[in-house]
Amino acid sequence: MAAHSSLESLPPELPEFPVTAALLQRIRTEYSEIPGLKLTAAQAQRLWGLDRETSHAALATLVDAAFLSRSLNGLFVMATTTRQGGRVALEPPSGHMPNRG
């Protein structure tokens, strides 16, 4: 099951969804204030009281902005994770396995 990672991947016949700067900031604040927050798309929708389309569009916007990443098991997490040596790494997009040799 492939997840949409950008608004461009939504069918063109869908109307624009009300993803406001205030909504995006609210989601960023929640993730920033709760370290390790991991949410499914349905959990995010319920947490912020959004309809499915608006929730999807907001999550896709934040994935495109590299603020969120979708883990291999479909959870939305902050895109940056501190690794050894203070480096920052992004999780691979859902359904993509890293090329290992």
PDB file of N, CA and C in Angstrom:
ATOM      1  N   MET A   1       0.848  -1.177   0.000  1.00  0.00           N
ATOM      2  CA  MET A   1       0.000   0.000   0.000  1.00  0.00           C
ATOM      3  C   MET A   1       0.886   1.231   0.000  1.00  0.00           C
ATOM      4  N   ALA A   2       0.929   1.952  -1.080  1.00  0.00           N
ATOM      5  CA  ALA A   2       1.773   3.134  -1.197  1.00  0.00           C
ATOM      6  C   ALA A   2       1.064   4.335  -0.602  1.00  0.00           C
ATOM      7  N   ALA A   3       1.810   5.138   0.125  1.00  0.00           N
ATOM      8  CA  ALA A   3       1.250   6.340   0.726  1.00  0.00           C
ATOM      9  C   ALA A   3       1.552   7.535  -0.162  1.00  0.00           C
ATOM     10  N   HIS A   4       0.631   8.500  -0.186  1.00  0.00           N
ATOM     11  CA  HIS A   4       0.893   9.738  -0.913  1.00  0.00           C
ATOM     12  C   HIS A   4       1.881  10.541  -0.109  1.00  0.00           C
ATOM     13  N   SER A   5       2.931  11.024  -0.750  1.00  0.00           N
ATOM     14  CA  SER A   5       3.923  11.802  -0.021  1.00  0.00           C
ATOM     15  C   SER A   5       3.852  13.278  -0.368  1.00  0.00           C
ATOM     16  N   SER A   6       3.018  13.653  -1.319  1.00  0.00           N
ATOM     17  CA  SER A   6       2.932  15.058  -1.660  1.00  0.00           C
ATOM     18  C   SER A   6       1.532  15.405  -2.127  1.00  0.00           C
ATOM     19  N   LEU A   7       1.250  16.689  -2.083  1.00  0.00           N
ATOM     20  CA  LEU A   7      -0.046  17.137  -2.553  1.00  0.00           C
ATOM     21  C   LEU A   7      -0.191  16.927  -4.056  1.00  0.00           C
ATOM     22  N   GLU A   8       0.930  16.962  -4.781  1.00  0.00           N
ATOM     23  CA  GLU A   8       0.872  16.763  -6.221  1.00  0.00           C
ATOM     24  C   GLU A   8       0.373  15.365  -6.576  1.00  0.00           C
ATOM     25  N   SER A   9       0.511  14.409  -5.653  1.00  0.00           N
ATOM     26  CA  SER A   9       0.101  13.050  -5.953  1.00  0.00           C
ATOM     27  C   SER A   9      -1.395  12.821  -5.733  1.00  0.00           C
ATOM     28  N   LEU A  10      -2.106  13.827  -5.221  1.00  0.00           N
ATOM     29  CA  LEU A  10      -3.544  13.691  -5.049  1.00  0.00           C
ATOM     30  C   LEU A  10      -4.225  13.827  -6.414  1.00  0.00           C
ATOM     31  N   PRO A  11      -5.340  13.131  -6.591  1.00  0.00           N
ATOM     32  CA  PRO A  11      -6.061  13.249  -7.864  1.00  0.00           C
ATOM     33  C   PRO A  11      -6.440  14.702  -8.136  1.00  0.00           C
ATOM     34  N   PRO A  12      -6.314  15.172  -9.376  1.00  0.00           N
ATOM     35  CA  PRO A  12      -6.572  16.579  -9.693  1.00  0.00           C
ATOM     36  C   PRO A  12      -8.017  17.003  -9.469  1.00  0.00           C
ATOM     37  N   GLU A  13      -8.961  16.066  -9.454  1.00  0.00           N
ATOM     38  CA  GLU A  13     -10.361  16.449  -9.285  1.00  0.00           C
ATOM     39  C   GLU A  13     -10.716  16.800  -7.839  1.00  0.00           C
ATOM     40  N   LEU A  14      -9.811  16.527  -6.890  1.00  0.00           N
ATOM     41  CA  LEU A  14     -10.086  16.867  -5.499  1.00  0.00           C
ATOM     42  C   LEU A  14      -9.942  18.370  -5.291  1.00  0.00           C
ATOM     43  N   PRO A  15     -10.830  18.967  -4.472  1.00  0.00           N
ATOM     44  CA  PRO A  15     -10.724  20.402  -4.214  1.00  0.00           C
ATOM     45  C   PRO A  15      -9.519  20.692  -3.318  1.00  0.00           C
ATOM     46  N   GLU A  16      -9.142  21.955  -3.263  1.00  0.00           N
ATOM     47  CA  GLU A  16      -8.070  22.363  -2.359  1.00  0.00           C
ATOM     48  C   GLU A  16      -8.583  22.208  -0.933  1.00  0.00           C
ATOM     49  N   PHE A  17      -7.707  21.737  -0.045  1.00  0.00           N
ATOM     50  CA  PHE A  17      -8.105  21.533   1.342  1.00  0.00           C
ATOM     51  C   PHE A  17      -7.593  22.686   2.182  1.00  0.00           C
ATOM     52  N   PRO A  18      -8.326  23.048   3.232  1.00  0.00           N
ATOM     53  CA  PRO A  18      -7.954  24.193   4.057  1.00  0.00           C
ATOM     54  C   PRO A  18      -6.775  23.908   4.986  1.00  0.00           C
ATOM     55  N   VAL A  19      -5.593  23.775   4.412  1.00  0.00           N
ATOM     56  CA  VAL A  19      -4.393  23.583   5.206  1.00  0.00           C
ATOM     57  C   VAL A  19      -3.804  24.968   5.421  1.00  0.00           C
ATOM     58  N   THR A  20      -4.015  25.489   6.606  1.00  0.00           N
ATOM     59  CA  THR A  20      -3.566  26.842   6.911  1.00  0.00           C
ATOM     60  C   THR A  20      -2.206  26.816   7.592  1.00  0.00           C
ATOM     61  N   ALA A  21      -1.561  27.959   7.589  1.00  0.00           N
ATOM     62  CA  ALA A  21      -0.279  28.087   8.293  1.00  0.00           C
ATOM     63  C   ALA A  21      -0.483  27.795   9.781  1.00  0.00           C
ATOM     64  N   ALA A  22      -1.626  28.198  10.323  1.00  0.00           N
ATOM     65  CA  ALA A  22      -1.912  27.953  11.740  1.00  0.00           C
ATOM     66  C   ALA A  22      -2.020  26.454  12.030  1.00  0.00           C
ATOM     67  N   LEU A  23      -2.649  25.705  11.141  1.00  0.00           N
ATOM     68  CA  LEU A  23      -2.763  24.255  11.323  1.00  0.00           C
ATOM     69  C   LEU A  23      -1.390  23.604  11.254  1.00  0.00           C
ATOM     70  N   LEU A  24      -0.600  23.979  10.263  1.00  0.00           N
ATOM     71  CA  LEU A  24       0.731  23.392  10.127  1.00  0.00           C
ATOM     72  C   LEU A  24       1.595  23.723  11.350  1.00  0.00           C
ATOM     73  N   GLN A  25       1.471  24.947  11.867  1.00  0.00           N
ATOM     74  CA  GLN A  25       2.238  25.317  13.053  1.00  0.00           C
ATOM     75  C   GLN A  25       1.765  24.521  14.272  1.00  0.00           C
ATOM     76  N   ARG A  26       0.473  24.288  14.378  1.00  0.00           N
ATOM     77  CA  ARG A  26      -0.065  23.491  15.488  1.00  0.00           C
ATOM     78  C   ARG A  26       0.510  22.076  15.474  1.00  0.00           C
ATOM     79  N   ILE A  27       0.577  21.477  14.300  1.00  0.00           N
ATOM     80  CA  ILE A  27       1.127  20.122  14.171  1.00  0.00           C
ATOM     81  C   ILE A  27       2.625  20.131  14.480  1.00  0.00           C
ATOM     82  N   ARG A  28       3.352  21.117  13.954  1.00  0.00           N
ATOM     83  CA  ARG A  28       4.785  21.231  14.248  1.00  0.00           C
ATOM     84  C   ARG A  28       5.020  21.378  15.757  1.00  0.00           C
ATOM     85  N   THR A  29       4.201  22.189  16.407  1.00  0.00           N
ATOM     86  CA  THR A  29       4.344  22.404  17.850  1.00  0.00           C
ATOM     87  C   THR A  29       4.139  21.116  18.624  1.00  0.00           C
ATOM     88  N   GLU A  30       3.116  20.345  18.269  1.00  0.00           N
ATOM     89  CA  GLU A  30       2.858  19.072  18.954  1.00  0.00           C
ATOM     90  C   GLU A  30       4.059  18.143  18.829  1.00  0.00           C
ATOM     91  N   TYR A  31       4.585  18.014  17.616  1.00  0.00           N
ATOM     92  CA  TYR A  31       5.736  17.134  17.405  1.00  0.00           C
ATOM     93  C   TYR A  31       6.971  17.656  18.135  1.00  0.00           C
ATOM     94  N   SER A  32       7.138  18.970  18.190  1.00  0.00           N
ATOM     95  CA  SER A  32       8.300  19.548  18.870  1.00  0.00           C
ATOM     96  C   SER A  32       8.204  19.408  20.384  1.00  0.00           C
ATOM     97  N   GLU A  33       6.997  19.514  20.913  1.00  0.00           N
ATOM     98  CA  GLU A  33       6.807  19.470  22.369  1.00  0.00           C
ATOM     99  C   GLU A  33       6.700  18.058  22.922  1.00  0.00           C
ATOM    100  N   ILE A  34       6.459  17.080  22.057  1.00  0.00           N
ATOM    101  CA  ILE A  34       6.329  15.689  22.495  1.00  0.00           C
ATOM    102  C   ILE A  34       7.391  14.858  21.775  1.00  0.00           C
ATOM    103  N   PRO A  35       8.597  14.795  22.345  1.00  0.00           N
ATOM    104  CA  PRO A  35       9.665  14.019  21.701  1.00  0.00           C
ATOM    105  C   PRO A  35       9.242  12.573  21.474  1.00  0.00           C
ATOM    106  N   GLY A  36       9.550  12.060  20.303  1.00  0.00           N
ATOM    107  CA  GLY A  36       9.235  10.672  19.992  1.00  0.00           C
ATOM    108  C   GLY A  36       7.794  10.431  19.568  1.00  0.00           C
ATOM    109  N   LEU A  37       7.024  11.496  19.347  1.00  0.00           N
ATOM    110  CA  LEU A  37       5.629  11.335  18.926  1.00  0.00           C
ATOM    111  C   LEU A  37       5.576  10.586  17.605  1.00  0.00           C
ATOM    112  N   LYS A  38       4.772   9.534  17.573  1.00  0.00           N
ATOM    113  CA  LYS A  38       4.591   8.701  16.376  1.00  0.00           C
ATOM    114  C   LYS A  38       3.107   8.477  16.203  1.00  0.00           C
ATOM    115  N   LEU A  39       2.572   8.885  15.080  1.00  0.00           N
ATOM    116  CA  LEU A  39       1.132   8.781  14.846  1.00  0.00           C
ATOM    117  C   LEU A  39       0.824   8.145  13.506  1.00  0.00           C
ATOM    118  N   THR A  40      -0.227   7.325  13.483  1.00  0.00           N
ATOM    119  CA  THR A  40      -0.761   6.869  12.202  1.00  0.00           C
ATOM    120  C   THR A  40      -1.548   8.026  11.605  1.00  0.00           C
ATOM    121  N   ALA A  41      -1.896   7.928  10.348  1.00  0.00           N
ATOM    122  CA  ALA A  41      -2.702   8.973   9.714  1.00  0.00           C
ATOM    123  C   ALA A  41      -4.038   9.126  10.445  1.00  0.00           C
ATOM    124  N   ALA A  42      -4.655   8.021  10.838  1.00  0.00           N
ATOM    125  CA  ALA A  42      -5.942   8.075  11.545  1.00  0.00           C
ATOM    126  C   ALA A  42      -5.795   8.723  12.922  1.00  0.00           C
ATOM    127  N   GLN A  43      -4.722   8.410  13.632  1.00  0.00           N
ATOM    128  CA  GLN A  43      -4.493   9.023  14.940  1.00  0.00           C
ATOM    129  C   GLN A  43      -4.282  10.531  14.814  1.00  0.00           C
ATOM    130  N   ALA A  44      -3.526  10.945  13.820  1.00  0.00           N
ATOM    131  CA  ALA A  44      -3.287  12.374  13.588  1.00  0.00           C
ATOM    132  C   ALA A  44      -4.608  13.078  13.287  1.00  0.00           C
ATOM    133  N   GLN A  45      -5.419  12.463  12.464  1.00  0.00           N
ATOM    134  CA  GLN A  45      -6.719  13.030  12.110  1.00  0.00           C
ATOM    135  C   GLN A  45      -7.571  13.247  13.357  1.00  0.00           C
ATOM    136  N   ARG A  46      -7.618  12.242  14.240  1.00  0.00           N
ATOM    137  CA  ARG A  46      -8.402  12.366  15.474  1.00  0.00           C
ATOM    138  C   ARG A  46      -7.805  13.386  16.432  1.00  0.00           C
ATOM    139  N   LEU A  47      -6.481  13.369  16.586  1.00  0.00           N
ATOM    140  CA  LEU A  47      -5.819  14.270  17.524  1.00  0.00           C
ATOM    141  C   LEU A  47      -6.113  15.727  17.197  1.00  0.00           C
ATOM    142  N   TRP A  48      -6.064  16.079  15.922  1.00  0.00           N
ATOM    143  CA  TRP A  48      -6.263  17.462  15.535  1.00  0.00           C
ATOM    144  C   TRP A  48      -7.684  17.754  15.075  1.00  0.00           C
ATOM    145  N   GLY A  49      -8.581  16.786  15.177  1.00  0.00           N
ATOM    146  CA  GLY A  49      -9.989  17.004  14.854  1.00  0.00           C
ATOM    147  C   GLY A  49     -10.216  17.418  13.408  1.00  0.00           C
ATOM    148  N   LEU A  50      -9.533  16.739  12.485  1.00  0.00           N
ATOM    149  CA  LEU A  50      -9.607  17.099  11.075  1.00  0.00           C
ATOM    150  C   LEU A  50     -10.377  16.059  10.275  1.00  0.00           C
ATOM    151  N   ASP A  51     -10.899  16.479   9.132  1.00  0.00           N
ATOM    152  CA  ASP A  51     -11.458  15.491   8.216  1.00  0.00           C
ATOM    153  C   ASP A  51     -10.290  14.791   7.527  1.00  0.00           C
ATOM    154  N   ARG A  52     -10.575  13.659   6.904  1.00  0.00           N
ATOM    155  CA  ARG A  52      -9.529  12.823   6.311  1.00  0.00           C
ATOM    156  C   ARG A  52      -8.691  13.575   5.275  1.00  0.00           C
ATOM    157  N   GLU A  53      -9.359  14.317   4.391  1.00  0.00           N
ATOM    158  CA  GLU A  53      -8.659  15.004   3.314  1.00  0.00           C
ATOM    159  C   GLU A  53      -7.737  16.101   3.839  1.00  0.00           C
ATOM    160  N   THR A  54      -8.218  16.886   4.803  1.00  0.00           N
ATOM    161  CA  THR A  54      -7.405  17.959   5.366  1.00  0.00           C
ATOM    162  C   THR A  54      -6.220  17.377   6.115  1.00  0.00           C
ATOM    163  N   SER A  55      -6.456  16.308   6.879  1.00  0.00           N
ATOM    164  CA  SER A  55      -5.377  15.653   7.609  1.00  0.00           C
ATOM    165  C   SER A  55      -4.324  15.133   6.639  1.00  0.00           C
ATOM    166  N   HIS A  56      -4.756  14.459   5.589  1.00  0.00           N
ATOM    167  CA  HIS A  56      -3.832  13.917   4.589  1.00  0.00           C
ATOM    168  C   HIS A  56      -3.008  15.040   3.956  1.00  0.00           C
ATOM    169  N   ALA A  57      -3.672  16.126   3.574  1.00  0.00           N
ATOM    170  CA  ALA A  57      -2.984  17.238   2.928  1.00  0.00           C
ATOM    171  C   ALA A  57      -1.976  17.882   3.876  1.00  0.00           C
ATOM    172  N   ALA A  58      -2.327  18.035   5.150  1.00  0.00           N
ATOM    173  CA  ALA A  58      -1.408  18.630   6.121  1.00  0.00           C
ATOM    174  C   ALA A  58      -0.195  17.734   6.336  1.00  0.00           C
ATOM    175  N   LEU A  59      -0.414  16.437   6.500  1.00  0.00           N
ATOM    176  CA  LEU A  59       0.702  15.510   6.696  1.00  0.00           C
ATOM    177  C   LEU A  59       1.598  15.482   5.461  1.00  0.00           C
ATOM    178  N   ALA A  60       1.000  15.461   4.275  1.00  0.00           N
ATOM    179  CA  ALA A  60       1.779  15.454   3.031  1.00  0.00           C
ATOM    180  C   ALA A  60       2.608  16.728   2.904  1.00  0.00           C
ATOM    181  N   THR A  61       2.030  17.856   3.289  1.00  0.00           N
ATOM    182  CA  THR A  61       2.752  19.127   3.237  1.00  0.00           C
ATOM    183  C   THR A  61       3.973  19.086   4.145  1.00  0.00           C
ATOM    184  N   LEU A  62       3.811  18.531   5.353  1.00  0.00           N
ATOM    185  CA  LEU A  62       4.920  18.474   6.299  1.00  0.00           C
ATOM    186  C   LEU A  62       5.960  17.424   5.912  1.00  0.00           C
ATOM    187  N   VAL A  63       5.547  16.367   5.225  1.00  0.00           N
ATOM    188  CA  VAL A  63       6.513  15.393   4.699  1.00  0.00           C
ATOM    189  C   VAL A  63       7.308  16.063   3.570  1.00  0.00           C
ATOM    190  N   ASP A  64       6.626  16.765   2.674  1.00  0.00           N
ATOM    191  CA  ASP A  64       7.303  17.459   1.572  1.00  0.00           C
ATOM    192  C   ASP A  64       8.278  18.510   2.083  1.00  0.00           C
ATOM    193  N   ALA A  65       7.951  19.128   3.221  1.00  0.00           N
ATOM    194  CA  ALA A  65       8.817  20.153   3.812  1.00  0.00           C
ATOM    195  C   ALA A  65       9.946  19.539   4.631  1.00  0.00           C
ATOM    196  N   ALA A  66       9.998  18.209   4.666  1.00  0.00           N
ATOM    197  CA  ALA A  66      11.019  17.461   5.424  1.00  0.00           C
ATOM    198  C   ALA A  66      10.933  17.701   6.925  1.00  0.00           C
ATOM    199  N   PHE A  67       9.759  18.109   7.411  1.00  0.00           N
ATOM    200  CA  PHE A  67       9.562  18.208   8.855  1.00  0.00           C
ATOM    201  C   PHE A  67       9.136  16.846   9.403  1.00  0.00           C
ATOM    202  N   LEU A  68       8.264  16.159   8.671  1.00  0.00           N
ATOM    203  CA  LEU A  68       7.841  14.816   9.053  1.00  0.00           C
ATOM    204  C   LEU A  68       8.386  13.807   8.062  1.00  0.00           C
ATOM    205  N   SER A  69       8.458  12.580   8.528  1.00  0.00           N
ATOM    206  CA  SER A  69       8.821  11.450   7.695  1.00  0.00           C
ATOM    207  C   SER A  69       7.840  10.341   8.020  1.00  0.00           C
ATOM    208  N   ARG A  70       7.638   9.441   7.079  1.00  0.00           N
ATOM    209  CA  ARG A  70       6.766   8.302   7.330  1.00  0.00           C
ATOM    210  C   ARG A  70       7.644   7.073   7.500  1.00  0.00           C
ATOM    211  N   SER A  71       7.521   6.434   8.668  1.00  0.00           N
ATOM    212  CA  SER A  71       8.354   5.272   8.955  1.00  0.00           C
ATOM    213  C   SER A  71       7.924   4.088   8.105  1.00  0.00           C
ATOM    214  N   LEU A  72       8.734   3.049   8.123  1.00  0.00           N
ATOM    215  CA  LEU A  72       8.430   1.862   7.331  1.00  0.00           C
ATOM    216  C   LEU A  72       7.116   1.216   7.739  1.00  0.00           C
ATOM    217  N   ASN A  73       6.698   1.415   8.998  1.00  0.00           N
ATOM    218  CA  ASN A  73       5.420   0.838   9.431  1.00  0.00           C
ATOM    219  C   ASN A  73       4.274   1.849   9.351  1.00  0.00           C
ATOM    220  N   GLY A  74       4.477   2.956   8.625  1.00  0.00           N
ATOM    221  CA  GLY A  74       3.388   3.888   8.348  1.00  0.00           C
ATOM    222  C   GLY A  74       3.154   4.969   9.372  1.00  0.00           C
ATOM    223  N   LEU A  75       4.029   5.110  10.355  1.00  0.00           N
ATOM    224  CA  LEU A  75       3.852   6.137  11.376  1.00  0.00           C
ATOM    225  C   LEU A  75       4.497   7.441  10.935  1.00  0.00           C
ATOM    226  N   PHE A  76       3.828   8.547  11.228  1.00  0.00           N
ATOM    227  CA  PHE A  76       4.394   9.861  10.951  1.00  0.00           C
ATOM    228  C   PHE A  76       5.215  10.284  12.155  1.00  0.00           C
ATOM    229  N   VAL A  77       6.484  10.603  11.914  1.00  0.00           N
ATOM    230  CA  VAL A  77       7.441  10.979  12.964  1.00  0.00           C
ATOM    231  C   VAL A  77       8.186  12.219  12.501  1.00  0.00           C
ATOM    232  N   MET A  78       8.827  12.916  13.457  1.00  0.00           N
ATOM    233  CA  MET A  78       9.687  14.024  13.047  1.00  0.00           C
ATOM    234  C   MET A  78      10.764  13.459  12.142  1.00  0.00           C
ATOM    235  N   ALA A  79      11.068  14.157  11.068  1.00  0.00           N
ATOM    236  CA  ALA A  79      11.970  13.638  10.044  1.00  0.00           C
ATOM    237  C   ALA A  79      13.404  13.523  10.504  1.00  0.00           C
ATOM    238  N   THR A  80      13.828  14.315  11.455  1.00  0.00           N
ATOM    239  CA  THR A  80      15.221  14.271  11.878  1.00  0.00           C
ATOM    240  C   THR A  80      15.370  13.455  13.149  1.00  0.00           C
ATOM    241  N   THR A  81      16.386  12.650  13.153  1.00  0.00           N
ATOM    242  CA  THR A  81      16.712  11.831  14.312  1.00  0.00           C
ATOM    243  C   THR A  81      18.197  11.999  14.552  1.00  0.00           C
ATOM    244  N   THR A  82      18.577  12.310  15.778  1.00  0.00           N
ATOM    245  CA  THR A  82      19.990  12.462  16.080  1.00  0.00           C
ATOM    246  C   THR A  82      20.654  11.101  16.040  1.00  0.00           C
ATOM    247  N   ARG A  83      21.737  11.007  15.311  1.00  0.00           N
ATOM    248  CA  ARG A  83      22.494   9.771  15.184  1.00  0.00           C
ATOM    249  C   ARG A  83      23.879  10.011  15.760  1.00  0.00           C
ATOM    250  N   GLN A  84      24.698   8.988  15.782  1.00  0.00           N
ATOM    251  CA  GLN A  84      26.060   9.115  16.287  1.00  0.00           C
ATOM    252  C   GLN A  84      26.765  10.253  15.578  1.00  0.00           C
ATOM    253  N   GLY A  85      27.579  10.985  16.340  1.00  0.00           N
ATOM    254  CA  GLY A  85      28.346  12.066  15.759  1.00  0.00           C
ATOM    255  C   GLY A  85      27.528  13.312  15.488  1.00  0.00           C
ATOM    256  N   GLY A  86      26.293  13.376  16.024  1.00  0.00           N
ATOM    257  CA  GLY A  86      25.464  14.550  15.855  1.00  0.00           C
ATOM    258  C   GLY A  86      24.891  14.722  14.460  1.00  0.00           C
ATOM    259  N   ARG A  87      25.003  13.717  13.623  1.00  0.00           N
ATOM    260  CA  ARG A  87      24.469  13.813  12.273  1.00  0.00           C
ATOM    261  C   ARG A  87      22.959  13.641  12.307  1.00  0.00           C
ATOM    262  N   VAL A  88      22.314  14.158  11.327  1.00  0.00           N
ATOM    263  CA  VAL A  88      20.864  14.064  11.212  1.00  0.00           C
ATOM    264  C   VAL A  88      20.548  13.191  10.014  1.00  0.00           C
ATOM    265  N   ALA A  89      19.627  12.264  10.179  1.00  0.00           N
ATOM    266  CA  ALA A  89      19.263  11.366   9.085  1.00  0.00           C
ATOM    267  C   ALA A  89      17.752  11.340   8.925  1.00  0.00           C
ATOM    268  N   LEU A  90      17.293  11.222   7.691  1.00  0.00           N
ATOM    269  CA  LEU A  90      15.868  11.080   7.410  1.00  0.00           C
ATOM    270  C   LEU A  90      15.546   9.613   7.245  1.00  0.00           C
ATOM    271  N   GLU A  91      14.370   9.223   7.702  1.00  0.00           N
ATOM    272  CA  GLU A  91      13.923   7.854   7.475  1.00  0.00           C
ATOM    273  C   GLU A  91      13.518   7.735   6.018  1.00  0.00           C
ATOM    274  N   PRO A  92      13.706   6.561   5.408  1.00  0.00           N
ATOM    275  CA  PRO A  92      13.302   6.416   4.006  1.00  0.00           C
ATOM    276  C   PRO A  92      11.792   6.509   3.880  1.00  0.00           C
ATOM    277  N   PRO A  93      11.288   6.977   2.723  1.00  0.00           N
ATOM    278  CA  PRO A  93       9.846   7.040   2.514  1.00  0.00           C
ATOM    279  C   PRO A  93       9.226   5.654   2.649  1.00  0.00           C
ATOM    280  N   SER A  94       7.971   5.620   3.013  1.00  0.00           N
ATOM    281  CA  SER A  94       7.251   4.365   3.175  1.00  0.00           C
ATOM    282  C   SER A  94       7.338   3.531   1.907  1.00  0.00           C
ATOM    283  N   GLY A  95       7.652   2.261   2.080  1.00  0.00           N
ATOM    284  CA  GLY A  95       7.709   1.344   0.962  1.00  0.00           C
ATOM    285  C   GLY A  95       9.029   1.315   0.221  1.00  0.00           C
ATOM    286  N   HIS A  96       9.976   2.162   0.602  1.00  0.00           N
ATOM    287  CA  HIS A  96      11.266   2.194  -0.060  1.00  0.00           C
ATOM    288  C   HIS A  96      12.318   1.587   0.861  1.00  0.00           C
ATOM    289  N   MET A  97      13.034   0.629   0.365  1.00  0.00           N
ATOM    290  CA  MET A  97      14.109   0.012   1.146  1.00  0.00           C
ATOM    291  C   MET A  97      15.424   0.596   0.668  1.00  0.00           C
ATOM    292  N   PRO A  98      16.335   0.897   1.599  1.00  0.00           N
ATOM    293  CA  PRO A  98      17.631   1.410   1.172  1.00  0.00           C
ATOM    294  C   PRO A  98      18.379   0.380   0.342  1.00  0.00           C
ATOM    295  N   ASN A  99      19.172   0.860  -0.598  1.00  0.00           N
ATOM    296  CA  ASN A  99      19.979   0.003  -1.441  1.00  0.00           C
ATOM    297  C   ASN A  99      21.237  -0.377  -0.683  1.00  0.00           C
ATOM    298  N   ARG A 100      21.403  -1.648  -0.354  1.00  0.00           N
ATOM    299  CA  ARG A 100      22.520  -2.085   0.472  1.00  0.00           C
ATOM    300  C   ARG A 100      23.465  -2.990  -0.297  1.00  0.00           C
ATOM    301  N   GLY A 101      24.062  -2.466  -1.277  1.00  0.00           N
ATOM    302  CA  GLY A 101      25.139  -3.169  -1.883  1.00  0.00           C
ATOM    303  C   GLY A 101      24.873  -3.810  -3.146  1.00  0.00           C
TER     304      GLY A 101
END
